C-alpha cells in the first residue's frame, strides 16, 4: 500500500482521473460531490466515469484494469469515441485532498487499449506501462509474404477479383512480382530437424 505524503488527511481524500486524448485534449473526472481543479484540469463530479475491476501486475506482467462510463455531451461523446480519439489515450489516477486539490498523490497511469460500447454506456480497457514490453517489433520470419495485396510493400495494382495466398509460387506465377515478395520461401519448416538424406531423393530444401 502506498503511504500518503505528509499533510494529506485520509478523511478528506477523493479519487480523480485525468484522461489525455491522442489529440492533446484533457478531461477530468472525480468521485467527489463537486467539481475540482486538479493539475489545472477541471475534474467533473458525476461526469460518468468510474473505475472497474483491476488486475495487479506481477513481475513483468503489464497489469490491466477497466473504466466504466456513460456518454456525455460535456465529457466523452459518441463522436469522439467513433473518431478513435480515446484509442491509446493516457489515464492518470490520483488521490486528492478535496479541501486543497493541489495536495495529491499519483496512484498509477495506464493507456486505453480498447473501448467497447453498449447503448449509452462504454467500457474502456486499461493497460499498464509494462504492456509496452509485450508489443511485437520487427517482422515475422515465415515462408509466406507478410505484405498486403496492393499495398506499398507489395507494389502492384491487382484487378478487383484478384486474390493472393501469400505463397512464393503465387507471387511469381500469377502476379510476376517475385522482386517484391516479402517472405522467406527457402526457410526450412519445423520438420526439417527430423529429416535425413534418402538415396535417390532430391534434397535441396525446395519442398520445406
N, C-alpha and C. Protein backbone atom coordinates (compact mmCIF):
# COMPACT_ATOMS: atom_id res chain seq x y z
N UNK A 1 0.85 -1.20 0.00
CA UNK A 1 0.00 0.00 0.00
C UNK A 1 0.89 1.24 0.00
N UNK A 2 0.53 2.22 -0.83
CA UNK A 2 1.33 3.42 -0.91
C UNK A 2 1.05 4.35 0.27
N UNK A 3 2.10 4.84 0.91
CA UNK A 3 1.95 5.76 2.04
C UNK A 3 1.55 7.14 1.54
N UNK A 4 0.69 7.80 2.32
CA UNK A 4 0.25 9.13 1.96
C UNK A 4 1.34 10.14 2.32
N UNK A 5 1.57 11.12 1.44
CA UNK A 5 2.55 12.16 1.76
C UNK A 5 2.11 12.96 2.98
N UNK A 6 3.05 13.56 3.63
CA UNK A 6 2.75 14.36 4.81
C UNK A 6 1.81 15.51 4.44
N UNK A 7 0.79 15.72 5.25
CA UNK A 7 -0.16 16.80 5.01
C UNK A 7 -1.45 16.32 4.39
N UNK A 8 -1.48 15.09 3.89
CA UNK A 8 -2.72 14.56 3.33
C UNK A 8 -3.51 13.86 4.43
N UNK A 9 -4.76 14.28 4.59
CA UNK A 9 -5.65 13.71 5.60
C UNK A 9 -6.54 12.69 4.92
N UNK A 10 -6.45 11.43 5.37
CA UNK A 10 -7.23 10.37 4.73
C UNK A 10 -8.73 10.65 4.77
N UNK A 11 -9.18 11.45 5.74
CA UNK A 11 -10.61 11.75 5.83
C UNK A 11 -11.08 12.76 4.81
N UNK A 12 -10.17 13.40 4.09
CA UNK A 12 -10.55 14.41 3.10
C UNK A 12 -10.11 14.01 1.69
N UNK A 13 -9.90 12.74 1.47
CA UNK A 13 -9.40 12.31 0.16
C UNK A 13 -10.53 11.82 -0.74
N UNK A 14 -10.37 12.06 -2.01
CA UNK A 14 -11.29 11.54 -3.01
C UNK A 14 -10.47 11.05 -4.21
N UNK A 15 -11.14 10.40 -5.13
CA UNK A 15 -10.49 9.90 -6.33
C UNK A 15 -10.63 10.91 -7.46
N UNK A 16 -9.62 10.98 -8.30
CA UNK A 16 -9.70 11.80 -9.51
C UNK A 16 -8.98 11.07 -10.64
N UNK A 17 -9.47 11.29 -11.85
CA UNK A 17 -8.85 10.69 -13.03
C UNK A 17 -8.69 11.76 -14.10
N UNK A 18 -7.55 11.80 -14.72
CA UNK A 18 -7.31 12.74 -15.81
C UNK A 18 -7.01 11.93 -17.07
N UNK A 19 -7.79 12.15 -18.10
CA UNK A 19 -7.64 11.44 -19.38
C UNK A 19 -7.06 12.41 -20.40
N UNK A 20 -5.94 12.03 -20.99
CA UNK A 20 -5.32 12.84 -22.04
C UNK A 20 -5.50 12.12 -23.36
N UNK A 21 -6.33 12.68 -24.23
CA UNK A 21 -6.62 12.03 -25.50
C UNK A 21 -5.44 12.14 -26.46
N UNK A 22 -5.53 11.43 -27.58
CA UNK A 22 -4.45 11.44 -28.56
C UNK A 22 -4.32 12.79 -29.26
N UNK A 23 -5.36 13.62 -29.20
CA UNK A 23 -5.25 14.95 -29.80
C UNK A 23 -4.82 16.01 -28.79
N UNK A 24 -4.45 15.57 -27.59
CA UNK A 24 -3.96 16.50 -26.58
C UNK A 24 -5.01 17.05 -25.64
N UNK A 25 -6.28 16.85 -25.92
CA UNK A 25 -7.36 17.33 -25.06
C UNK A 25 -7.37 16.54 -23.76
N UNK A 26 -7.54 17.26 -22.63
CA UNK A 26 -7.58 16.62 -21.32
C UNK A 26 -8.97 16.73 -20.72
N UNK A 27 -9.46 15.63 -20.16
CA UNK A 27 -10.72 15.61 -19.45
C UNK A 27 -10.48 15.07 -18.05
N UNK A 28 -11.19 15.63 -17.06
CA UNK A 28 -11.02 15.20 -15.68
C UNK A 28 -12.33 14.73 -15.09
N UNK A 29 -12.22 13.76 -14.18
CA UNK A 29 -13.40 13.21 -13.50
C UNK A 29 -13.04 12.98 -12.04
N UNK A 30 -14.04 13.04 -11.17
CA UNK A 30 -13.82 12.79 -9.76
C UNK A 30 -15.05 12.15 -9.15
N UNK A 31 -14.84 11.39 -8.05
CA UNK A 31 -15.97 10.81 -7.34
C UNK A 31 -16.41 11.71 -6.18
N UNK A 32 -15.83 12.92 -6.10
CA UNK A 32 -16.26 13.88 -5.08
C UNK A 32 -17.64 14.42 -5.47
N UNK A 33 -18.29 15.13 -4.52
CA UNK A 33 -19.65 15.62 -4.81
C UNK A 33 -19.67 16.99 -5.47
N UNK A 34 -18.50 17.55 -5.78
CA UNK A 34 -18.44 18.78 -6.55
C UNK A 34 -17.19 18.77 -7.44
N UNK A 35 -17.20 19.63 -8.44
CA UNK A 35 -16.07 19.69 -9.34
C UNK A 35 -14.80 20.17 -8.62
N UNK A 36 -13.66 19.66 -9.06
CA UNK A 36 -12.37 20.06 -8.50
C UNK A 36 -11.43 20.40 -9.65
N UNK A 37 -10.52 21.34 -9.41
CA UNK A 37 -9.47 21.64 -10.38
C UNK A 37 -8.19 20.96 -9.89
N UNK A 38 -7.74 19.95 -10.66
CA UNK A 38 -6.57 19.16 -10.29
C UNK A 38 -5.55 19.24 -11.42
N UNK A 39 -4.35 19.67 -11.08
CA UNK A 39 -3.29 19.83 -12.09
C UNK A 39 -3.75 20.70 -13.26
N UNK A 40 -4.56 21.70 -12.96
CA UNK A 40 -5.03 22.61 -14.00
C UNK A 40 -6.17 22.08 -14.84
N UNK A 41 -6.70 20.90 -14.50
CA UNK A 41 -7.79 20.29 -15.26
C UNK A 41 -9.04 20.25 -14.38
N UNK A 42 -10.16 20.67 -14.94
CA UNK A 42 -11.41 20.59 -14.20
C UNK A 42 -11.88 19.14 -14.18
N UNK A 43 -11.93 18.56 -12.97
CA UNK A 43 -12.39 17.18 -12.81
C UNK A 43 -13.86 17.24 -12.39
N UNK A 44 -14.72 16.75 -13.27
CA UNK A 44 -16.15 16.90 -13.08
C UNK A 44 -16.71 15.83 -12.16
N UNK A 45 -17.54 16.27 -11.22
CA UNK A 45 -18.28 15.34 -10.38
C UNK A 45 -19.48 14.82 -11.17
N UNK A 46 -19.76 13.55 -11.07
CA UNK A 46 -20.88 12.99 -11.82
C UNK A 46 -20.65 13.04 -13.31
N UNK A 47 -19.41 12.97 -13.73
CA UNK A 47 -19.09 13.05 -15.15
C UNK A 47 -19.23 11.76 -15.90
N UNK A 48 -19.72 10.71 -15.23
CA UNK A 48 -19.95 9.45 -15.94
C UNK A 48 -18.72 8.61 -16.10
N UNK A 49 -17.78 8.69 -15.17
CA UNK A 49 -16.55 7.89 -15.24
C UNK A 49 -16.30 7.27 -13.88
N UNK A 50 -16.10 5.96 -13.84
CA UNK A 50 -15.81 5.27 -12.59
C UNK A 50 -14.91 4.08 -12.86
N UNK A 51 -14.08 3.70 -11.89
CA UNK A 51 -13.17 2.57 -12.10
C UNK A 51 -13.91 1.24 -12.07
N UNK A 52 -13.44 0.29 -12.87
CA UNK A 52 -13.99 -1.05 -12.85
C UNK A 52 -13.00 -2.00 -12.19
N UNK A 53 -13.05 -3.27 -12.58
CA UNK A 53 -12.16 -4.27 -12.00
C UNK A 53 -10.73 -4.02 -12.45
N UNK A 54 -9.79 -4.34 -11.57
CA UNK A 54 -8.38 -4.18 -11.89
C UNK A 54 -7.64 -5.48 -11.62
N UNK A 55 -6.55 -5.67 -12.35
CA UNK A 55 -5.68 -6.84 -12.17
C UNK A 55 -4.28 -6.32 -11.93
N UNK A 56 -3.75 -6.59 -10.74
CA UNK A 56 -2.44 -6.07 -10.38
C UNK A 56 -1.35 -6.75 -11.18
N UNK A 57 -0.36 -5.97 -11.62
CA UNK A 57 0.77 -6.53 -12.36
C UNK A 57 1.64 -7.36 -11.43
N UNK A 58 2.13 -8.49 -11.93
CA UNK A 58 3.04 -9.35 -11.19
C UNK A 58 4.31 -9.50 -12.01
N UNK A 59 5.46 -9.22 -11.41
CA UNK A 59 6.71 -9.31 -12.16
C UNK A 59 6.69 -8.34 -13.32
N UNK A 60 6.86 -8.87 -14.55
CA UNK A 60 6.86 -8.03 -15.72
C UNK A 60 5.51 -8.04 -16.43
N UNK A 61 4.47 -8.62 -15.80
CA UNK A 61 3.14 -8.59 -16.40
C UNK A 61 2.65 -7.16 -16.44
N UNK A 62 1.93 -6.76 -17.50
CA UNK A 62 1.55 -5.36 -17.65
C UNK A 62 0.50 -4.89 -16.68
N UNK A 63 -0.36 -5.78 -16.19
CA UNK A 63 -1.47 -5.34 -15.36
C UNK A 63 -2.57 -4.74 -16.22
N UNK A 64 -3.82 -5.00 -15.85
CA UNK A 64 -4.94 -4.49 -16.62
C UNK A 64 -6.01 -3.96 -15.69
N UNK A 65 -6.85 -3.11 -16.22
CA UNK A 65 -7.96 -2.58 -15.47
C UNK A 65 -9.04 -2.14 -16.43
N UNK A 66 -10.07 -1.54 -15.90
CA UNK A 66 -11.17 -1.08 -16.73
C UNK A 66 -11.78 0.17 -16.12
N UNK A 67 -12.35 1.00 -16.96
CA UNK A 67 -13.09 2.18 -16.51
C UNK A 67 -14.47 2.11 -17.16
N UNK A 68 -15.48 2.44 -16.39
CA UNK A 68 -16.85 2.39 -16.86
C UNK A 68 -17.38 3.81 -16.98
N UNK A 69 -18.22 4.05 -17.95
CA UNK A 69 -18.74 5.40 -18.12
C UNK A 69 -19.97 5.44 -18.99
N UNK A 70 -20.53 6.62 -19.10
CA UNK A 70 -21.68 6.85 -19.98
C UNK A 70 -21.37 8.03 -20.88
N UNK A 71 -21.93 8.02 -22.07
CA UNK A 71 -21.72 9.13 -23.00
C UNK A 71 -22.32 10.41 -22.43
N UNK A 72 -21.60 11.50 -22.63
CA UNK A 72 -21.98 12.77 -22.03
C UNK A 72 -21.57 13.88 -22.98
N UNK A 73 -22.48 14.79 -23.27
CA UNK A 73 -22.18 15.88 -24.21
C UNK A 73 -21.03 16.74 -23.72
N UNK A 74 -20.82 16.82 -22.40
CA UNK A 74 -19.75 17.63 -21.84
C UNK A 74 -18.52 16.80 -21.47
N UNK A 75 -18.56 15.52 -21.76
CA UNK A 75 -17.45 14.65 -21.42
C UNK A 75 -17.07 13.77 -22.60
N UNK A 76 -17.26 12.47 -22.44
CA UNK A 76 -16.96 11.51 -23.51
C UNK A 76 -18.16 11.44 -24.44
N UNK A 77 -17.97 11.86 -25.68
CA UNK A 77 -19.07 11.88 -26.64
C UNK A 77 -18.96 10.72 -27.62
N UNK A 78 -20.09 10.39 -28.21
CA UNK A 78 -20.13 9.31 -29.20
C UNK A 78 -19.25 9.64 -30.40
N UNK A 79 -19.26 10.90 -30.83
CA UNK A 79 -18.46 11.31 -31.99
C UNK A 79 -16.97 11.11 -31.74
N UNK A 80 -16.51 11.48 -30.54
CA UNK A 80 -15.09 11.35 -30.24
C UNK A 80 -14.68 9.89 -30.11
N UNK A 81 -15.56 9.06 -29.54
CA UNK A 81 -15.26 7.64 -29.45
C UNK A 81 -15.15 7.03 -30.84
N UNK A 82 -16.10 7.37 -31.71
CA UNK A 82 -16.11 6.83 -33.07
C UNK A 82 -14.88 7.28 -33.84
N UNK A 83 -14.43 8.50 -33.59
CA UNK A 83 -13.25 9.03 -34.29
C UNK A 83 -11.94 8.44 -33.78
N UNK A 84 -12.00 7.63 -32.72
CA UNK A 84 -10.81 6.97 -32.20
C UNK A 84 -9.92 7.86 -31.34
N UNK A 85 -10.47 8.98 -30.85
CA UNK A 85 -9.66 9.90 -30.06
C UNK A 85 -9.26 9.35 -28.70
N UNK A 86 -9.96 8.30 -28.26
CA UNK A 86 -9.62 7.70 -26.97
C UNK A 86 -8.77 6.44 -27.12
N UNK A 87 -8.53 5.99 -28.34
CA UNK A 87 -7.67 4.84 -28.55
C UNK A 87 -6.23 5.22 -28.20
N UNK A 88 -5.66 4.58 -27.20
CA UNK A 88 -4.31 4.92 -26.78
C UNK A 88 -4.22 6.10 -25.86
N UNK A 89 -5.37 6.66 -25.43
CA UNK A 89 -5.36 7.81 -24.52
C UNK A 89 -4.72 7.43 -23.18
N UNK A 90 -4.08 8.39 -22.56
CA UNK A 90 -3.40 8.17 -21.27
C UNK A 90 -4.35 8.49 -20.13
N UNK A 91 -4.38 7.62 -19.13
CA UNK A 91 -5.25 7.81 -17.97
C UNK A 91 -4.37 7.85 -16.72
N UNK A 92 -4.54 8.89 -15.92
CA UNK A 92 -3.80 9.02 -14.66
C UNK A 92 -4.80 9.00 -13.51
N UNK A 93 -4.56 8.12 -12.54
CA UNK A 93 -5.43 8.04 -11.36
C UNK A 93 -4.73 8.72 -10.19
N UNK A 94 -5.49 9.54 -9.44
CA UNK A 94 -4.91 10.31 -8.34
C UNK A 94 -5.81 10.24 -7.11
N UNK A 95 -5.19 10.42 -5.96
CA UNK A 95 -5.93 10.64 -4.71
C UNK A 95 -5.71 12.09 -4.34
N UNK A 96 -6.80 12.81 -4.12
CA UNK A 96 -6.75 14.26 -3.97
C UNK A 96 -7.41 14.70 -2.67
N UNK A 97 -6.81 15.67 -2.03
CA UNK A 97 -7.42 16.31 -0.87
C UNK A 97 -8.45 17.31 -1.41
N UNK A 98 -9.73 17.00 -1.25
CA UNK A 98 -10.76 17.84 -1.86
C UNK A 98 -10.79 19.25 -1.26
N UNK A 99 -10.25 19.42 -0.05
CA UNK A 99 -10.23 20.76 0.55
C UNK A 99 -9.08 21.61 -0.01
N UNK A 100 -8.09 20.97 -0.60
CA UNK A 100 -6.94 21.65 -1.21
C UNK A 100 -6.42 20.73 -2.32
N UNK A 101 -7.02 20.79 -3.52
CA UNK A 101 -6.72 19.84 -4.59
C UNK A 101 -5.27 19.85 -5.06
N UNK A 102 -4.48 20.86 -4.67
CA UNK A 102 -3.07 20.86 -5.04
C UNK A 102 -2.30 19.79 -4.26
N UNK A 103 -2.90 19.31 -3.15
CA UNK A 103 -2.28 18.23 -2.39
C UNK A 103 -2.84 16.91 -2.91
N UNK A 104 -1.97 16.14 -3.51
CA UNK A 104 -2.44 14.91 -4.15
C UNK A 104 -1.31 13.89 -4.20
N UNK A 105 -1.68 12.65 -4.51
CA UNK A 105 -0.71 11.59 -4.74
C UNK A 105 -1.14 10.85 -6.01
N UNK A 106 -0.16 10.59 -6.87
CA UNK A 106 -0.44 9.87 -8.11
C UNK A 106 -0.36 8.38 -7.85
N UNK A 107 -1.43 7.68 -8.21
CA UNK A 107 -1.51 6.24 -7.93
C UNK A 107 -0.95 5.40 -9.06
N UNK A 108 -1.41 5.64 -10.27
CA UNK A 108 -0.94 4.87 -11.41
C UNK A 108 -1.29 5.58 -12.70
N UNK A 109 -0.66 5.15 -13.76
CA UNK A 109 -1.00 5.63 -15.11
C UNK A 109 -1.22 4.41 -16.00
N UNK A 110 -2.02 4.58 -17.01
CA UNK A 110 -2.31 3.49 -17.95
C UNK A 110 -2.72 4.11 -19.28
N UNK A 111 -2.86 3.27 -20.26
CA UNK A 111 -3.37 3.71 -21.56
C UNK A 111 -4.61 2.91 -21.92
N UNK A 112 -5.52 3.53 -22.64
CA UNK A 112 -6.73 2.85 -23.07
C UNK A 112 -6.39 1.94 -24.23
N UNK A 113 -6.52 0.63 -24.01
CA UNK A 113 -6.18 -0.35 -25.03
C UNK A 113 -7.35 -0.64 -25.96
N UNK A 114 -8.57 -0.53 -25.45
CA UNK A 114 -9.76 -0.80 -26.26
C UNK A 114 -10.97 -0.18 -25.59
N UNK A 115 -11.98 0.13 -26.40
CA UNK A 115 -13.22 0.70 -25.88
C UNK A 115 -14.38 -0.07 -26.50
N UNK A 116 -15.28 -0.54 -25.66
CA UNK A 116 -16.49 -1.22 -26.15
C UNK A 116 -17.72 -0.45 -25.67
N UNK A 117 -18.77 -0.52 -26.47
CA UNK A 117 -19.99 0.24 -26.14
C UNK A 117 -21.19 -0.67 -26.07
N UNK A 118 -22.13 -0.29 -25.21
CA UNK A 118 -23.43 -0.96 -25.14
C UNK A 118 -24.47 0.11 -24.84
N UNK A 119 -25.15 0.55 -25.89
CA UNK A 119 -26.08 1.66 -25.74
C UNK A 119 -25.34 2.94 -25.43
N UNK A 120 -25.73 3.61 -24.36
CA UNK A 120 -25.09 4.86 -23.94
C UNK A 120 -23.92 4.63 -23.01
N UNK A 121 -23.68 3.38 -22.63
CA UNK A 121 -22.58 3.06 -21.71
C UNK A 121 -21.37 2.58 -22.50
N UNK A 122 -20.19 2.78 -21.91
CA UNK A 122 -18.97 2.29 -22.53
C UNK A 122 -18.04 1.72 -21.47
N UNK A 123 -17.16 0.83 -21.90
CA UNK A 123 -16.13 0.26 -21.04
C UNK A 123 -14.79 0.45 -21.71
N UNK A 124 -13.88 1.08 -20.99
CA UNK A 124 -12.52 1.29 -21.51
C UNK A 124 -11.59 0.30 -20.83
N UNK A 125 -10.91 -0.53 -21.63
CA UNK A 125 -9.92 -1.47 -21.10
C UNK A 125 -8.59 -0.75 -20.96
N UNK A 126 -8.00 -0.81 -19.78
CA UNK A 126 -6.76 -0.10 -19.49
C UNK A 126 -5.60 -1.07 -19.41
N UNK A 127 -4.47 -0.67 -19.96
CA UNK A 127 -3.24 -1.47 -19.89
C UNK A 127 -2.15 -0.63 -19.27
N UNK A 128 -1.42 -1.21 -18.31
CA UNK A 128 -0.37 -0.50 -17.62
C UNK A 128 0.86 -0.27 -18.48
N UNK A 129 1.82 0.50 -17.98
CA UNK A 129 3.01 0.86 -18.77
C UNK A 129 3.81 -0.35 -19.26
N UNK A 130 3.83 -1.44 -18.46
CA UNK A 130 4.63 -2.60 -18.86
C UNK A 130 4.04 -3.35 -20.04
N UNK A 131 2.82 -2.99 -20.44
CA UNK A 131 2.23 -3.62 -21.62
C UNK A 131 3.06 -3.34 -22.87
N UNK A 132 3.81 -2.23 -22.85
CA UNK A 132 4.66 -1.90 -23.99
C UNK A 132 5.71 -2.98 -24.23
N UNK A 133 6.08 -3.72 -23.18
CA UNK A 133 7.08 -4.77 -23.34
C UNK A 133 6.56 -5.95 -24.14
N UNK A 134 5.22 -6.05 -24.27
CA UNK A 134 4.64 -7.18 -24.99
C UNK A 134 4.37 -6.85 -26.45
N UNK A 135 4.68 -5.65 -26.86
CA UNK A 135 4.45 -5.28 -28.26
C UNK A 135 5.43 -6.03 -29.15
N UNK A 136 4.91 -6.49 -30.29
CA UNK A 136 5.75 -7.21 -31.26
C UNK A 136 6.44 -6.18 -32.15
N UNK A 137 7.77 -6.26 -32.22
CA UNK A 137 8.54 -5.35 -33.05
C UNK A 137 9.25 -6.14 -34.13
N UNK A 138 9.40 -5.52 -35.29
CA UNK A 138 10.10 -6.20 -36.38
C UNK A 138 9.17 -7.08 -37.20
N UNK A 139 9.75 -7.92 -38.04
CA UNK A 139 8.99 -8.77 -38.93
C UNK A 139 8.97 -10.20 -38.44
N UNK A 140 7.98 -10.95 -38.90
CA UNK A 140 7.88 -12.37 -38.59
C UNK A 140 8.64 -13.18 -39.64
N UNK A 141 9.48 -14.09 -39.20
CA UNK A 141 10.26 -14.93 -40.10
C UNK A 141 9.38 -16.09 -40.56
N UNK A 142 8.84 -16.01 -41.77
CA UNK A 142 7.93 -17.01 -42.29
C UNK A 142 8.11 -17.15 -43.79
N UNK A 143 7.73 -18.31 -44.32
CA UNK A 143 7.85 -18.52 -45.76
C UNK A 143 6.78 -17.76 -46.54
N UNK A 144 5.72 -17.35 -45.89
CA UNK A 144 4.65 -16.62 -46.55
C UNK A 144 4.96 -15.13 -46.56
N UNK A 145 4.43 -14.43 -47.55
CA UNK A 145 4.61 -12.98 -47.68
C UNK A 145 3.80 -12.28 -46.59
N UNK A 146 4.39 -11.24 -45.98
CA UNK A 146 3.67 -10.51 -44.93
C UNK A 146 3.19 -9.15 -45.41
N UNK A 147 3.21 -8.92 -46.72
CA UNK A 147 2.63 -7.69 -47.28
C UNK A 147 1.15 -7.92 -47.60
N UNK A 148 0.40 -6.84 -47.70
CA UNK A 148 -0.99 -6.94 -48.13
C UNK A 148 -1.06 -6.69 -49.63
N UNK A 149 -1.89 -7.47 -50.30
CA UNK A 149 -2.01 -7.36 -51.75
C UNK A 149 -2.38 -5.93 -52.15
N UNK A 150 -1.50 -5.30 -52.94
CA UNK A 150 -1.78 -3.96 -53.43
C UNK A 150 -1.22 -2.84 -52.59
N UNK A 151 -0.61 -3.14 -51.41
CA UNK A 151 -0.07 -2.04 -50.61
C UNK A 151 1.31 -1.62 -51.14
N UNK A 152 1.94 -0.64 -50.46
CA UNK A 152 3.20 -0.09 -50.95
C UNK A 152 4.31 -1.14 -50.99
N UNK A 153 4.32 -2.04 -50.02
CA UNK A 153 5.36 -3.06 -49.98
C UNK A 153 5.15 -4.11 -51.05
N UNK A 154 3.89 -4.35 -51.41
CA UNK A 154 3.58 -5.30 -52.47
C UNK A 154 3.93 -4.70 -53.83
N UNK A 155 3.49 -3.46 -54.04
CA UNK A 155 3.91 -2.72 -55.23
C UNK A 155 3.16 -2.99 -56.50
N UNK A 156 2.02 -3.68 -56.45
CA UNK A 156 1.25 -3.92 -57.67
C UNK A 156 -0.17 -3.40 -57.48
N UNK A 157 -0.87 -3.24 -58.59
CA UNK A 157 -2.26 -2.82 -58.57
C UNK A 157 -3.10 -3.95 -59.14
N UNK A 158 -3.57 -4.86 -58.29
CA UNK A 158 -4.28 -6.04 -58.79
C UNK A 158 -5.67 -5.70 -59.31
N UNK A 159 -6.21 -6.61 -60.13
CA UNK A 159 -7.58 -6.47 -60.58
C UNK A 159 -8.52 -6.66 -59.40
N UNK A 160 -9.74 -6.21 -59.53
CA UNK A 160 -10.69 -6.24 -58.42
C UNK A 160 -10.95 -7.66 -57.92
N UNK A 161 -10.86 -8.65 -58.82
CA UNK A 161 -11.16 -10.02 -58.43
C UNK A 161 -9.91 -10.84 -58.12
N UNK A 162 -8.77 -10.18 -58.04
CA UNK A 162 -7.54 -10.91 -57.74
C UNK A 162 -7.49 -11.36 -56.29
N UNK A 163 -6.77 -12.47 -56.03
CA UNK A 163 -6.59 -12.98 -54.68
C UNK A 163 -5.18 -13.52 -54.55
N UNK A 164 -4.61 -13.42 -53.37
CA UNK A 164 -3.25 -13.88 -53.16
C UNK A 164 -3.21 -14.72 -51.89
N UNK A 165 -2.59 -15.90 -51.97
CA UNK A 165 -2.47 -16.77 -50.81
C UNK A 165 -1.12 -16.62 -50.11
N UNK A 166 -0.36 -15.56 -50.47
CA UNK A 166 0.90 -15.20 -49.81
C UNK A 166 2.06 -16.14 -50.14
N UNK A 167 1.88 -17.09 -51.06
CA UNK A 167 2.95 -18.03 -51.37
C UNK A 167 3.85 -17.50 -52.48
N UNK A 168 5.11 -17.93 -52.46
CA UNK A 168 6.08 -17.52 -53.47
C UNK A 168 5.62 -17.92 -54.86
N UNK A 169 5.11 -19.15 -55.01
CA UNK A 169 4.68 -19.63 -56.32
C UNK A 169 3.57 -18.76 -56.90
N UNK A 170 2.67 -18.30 -56.03
CA UNK A 170 1.57 -17.44 -56.49
C UNK A 170 2.10 -16.07 -56.89
N UNK A 171 3.00 -15.53 -56.07
CA UNK A 171 3.56 -14.21 -56.35
C UNK A 171 4.27 -14.19 -57.70
N UNK A 172 5.02 -15.25 -57.98
CA UNK A 172 5.77 -15.32 -59.23
C UNK A 172 4.89 -15.74 -60.39
N UNK A 173 4.12 -16.80 -60.21
CA UNK A 173 3.35 -17.37 -61.31
C UNK A 173 2.12 -16.57 -61.71
N UNK A 174 1.44 -15.97 -60.73
CA UNK A 174 0.19 -15.25 -61.02
C UNK A 174 0.44 -13.76 -61.23
N UNK A 175 1.28 -13.17 -60.37
CA UNK A 175 1.46 -11.72 -60.41
C UNK A 175 2.80 -11.28 -60.99
N UNK A 176 3.70 -12.21 -61.26
CA UNK A 176 5.03 -11.87 -61.77
C UNK A 176 5.68 -10.77 -60.92
N UNK A 177 5.60 -10.96 -59.61
CA UNK A 177 6.02 -9.92 -58.68
C UNK A 177 7.03 -10.45 -57.66
N UNK A 178 7.84 -11.42 -58.09
CA UNK A 178 8.79 -12.03 -57.17
C UNK A 178 9.78 -11.06 -56.56
N UNK A 179 10.10 -9.97 -57.28
CA UNK A 179 11.07 -9.00 -56.77
C UNK A 179 10.56 -8.32 -55.50
N UNK A 180 9.25 -8.27 -55.31
CA UNK A 180 8.67 -7.62 -54.12
C UNK A 180 8.13 -8.62 -53.12
N UNK A 181 8.43 -9.89 -53.27
CA UNK A 181 7.95 -10.90 -52.32
C UNK A 181 8.53 -10.62 -50.93
N UNK A 182 7.67 -10.55 -49.92
CA UNK A 182 8.09 -10.16 -48.58
C UNK A 182 8.13 -11.33 -47.58
N UNK A 183 8.39 -12.51 -48.09
CA UNK A 183 8.54 -13.67 -47.23
C UNK A 183 9.91 -14.30 -47.42
N UNK A 184 10.09 -15.47 -46.84
CA UNK A 184 11.36 -16.19 -46.92
C UNK A 184 11.07 -17.60 -47.44
N UNK A 185 10.91 -17.74 -48.75
CA UNK A 185 10.43 -19.01 -49.33
C UNK A 185 11.35 -20.19 -49.11
N UNK A 186 12.63 -19.98 -48.87
CA UNK A 186 13.56 -21.09 -48.68
C UNK A 186 13.77 -21.45 -47.21
N UNK A 187 13.01 -20.82 -46.32
CA UNK A 187 13.15 -21.12 -44.89
C UNK A 187 12.70 -22.55 -44.62
N UNK A 188 13.46 -23.34 -43.84
CA UNK A 188 13.05 -24.71 -43.54
C UNK A 188 11.86 -24.73 -42.61
N UNK A 189 11.04 -25.77 -42.73
CA UNK A 189 9.90 -25.93 -41.86
C UNK A 189 10.30 -26.55 -40.54
N UNK A 190 9.31 -26.74 -39.64
CA UNK A 190 9.61 -27.28 -38.32
C UNK A 190 10.04 -28.74 -38.38
N UNK A 191 9.68 -29.45 -39.48
CA UNK A 191 10.06 -30.85 -39.60
C UNK A 191 11.46 -31.03 -40.16
N UNK A 192 12.16 -29.94 -40.42
CA UNK A 192 13.49 -30.01 -41.03
C UNK A 192 14.47 -30.80 -40.17
N UNK A 193 14.40 -30.64 -38.85
CA UNK A 193 15.36 -31.29 -37.96
C UNK A 193 15.19 -32.81 -37.92
N UNK A 194 14.02 -33.32 -38.32
CA UNK A 194 13.78 -34.76 -38.26
C UNK A 194 14.03 -35.44 -39.59
N UNK A 195 14.41 -34.67 -40.62
CA UNK A 195 14.63 -35.26 -41.93
C UNK A 195 16.03 -35.84 -42.04
N UNK A 196 16.23 -36.74 -42.95
CA UNK A 196 17.54 -37.32 -43.21
C UNK A 196 17.65 -37.62 -44.70
N UNK A 197 18.85 -37.67 -45.25
CA UNK A 197 19.04 -37.92 -46.67
C UNK A 197 18.54 -39.31 -47.06
N UNK A 198 17.92 -39.38 -48.20
CA UNK A 198 17.44 -40.65 -48.76
C UNK A 198 18.03 -40.80 -50.15
N UNK A 199 18.61 -41.95 -50.43
CA UNK A 199 19.25 -42.18 -51.73
C UNK A 199 18.23 -42.06 -52.85
N UNK A 200 18.59 -41.29 -53.86
CA UNK A 200 17.71 -41.11 -55.00
C UNK A 200 16.75 -39.95 -54.86
N UNK A 201 16.62 -39.38 -53.65
CA UNK A 201 15.75 -38.25 -53.44
C UNK A 201 16.47 -36.94 -53.74
N UNK A 202 15.70 -35.94 -54.11
CA UNK A 202 16.28 -34.61 -54.33
C UNK A 202 16.22 -33.85 -53.00
N UNK A 203 17.36 -33.59 -52.42
CA UNK A 203 17.42 -32.97 -51.09
C UNK A 203 17.97 -31.55 -51.19
N UNK A 204 17.20 -30.67 -51.83
CA UNK A 204 17.67 -29.29 -51.98
C UNK A 204 16.85 -28.32 -51.17
N UNK A 205 15.98 -28.84 -50.33
CA UNK A 205 15.17 -27.94 -49.47
C UNK A 205 14.00 -27.30 -50.16
N UNK A 206 13.77 -27.62 -51.43
CA UNK A 206 12.70 -26.95 -52.17
C UNK A 206 11.33 -27.30 -51.70
N UNK A 207 11.15 -28.41 -50.99
CA UNK A 207 9.83 -28.80 -50.52
C UNK A 207 9.58 -28.45 -49.07
N UNK A 208 10.49 -27.77 -48.42
CA UNK A 208 10.36 -27.48 -47.00
C UNK A 208 9.63 -26.16 -46.78
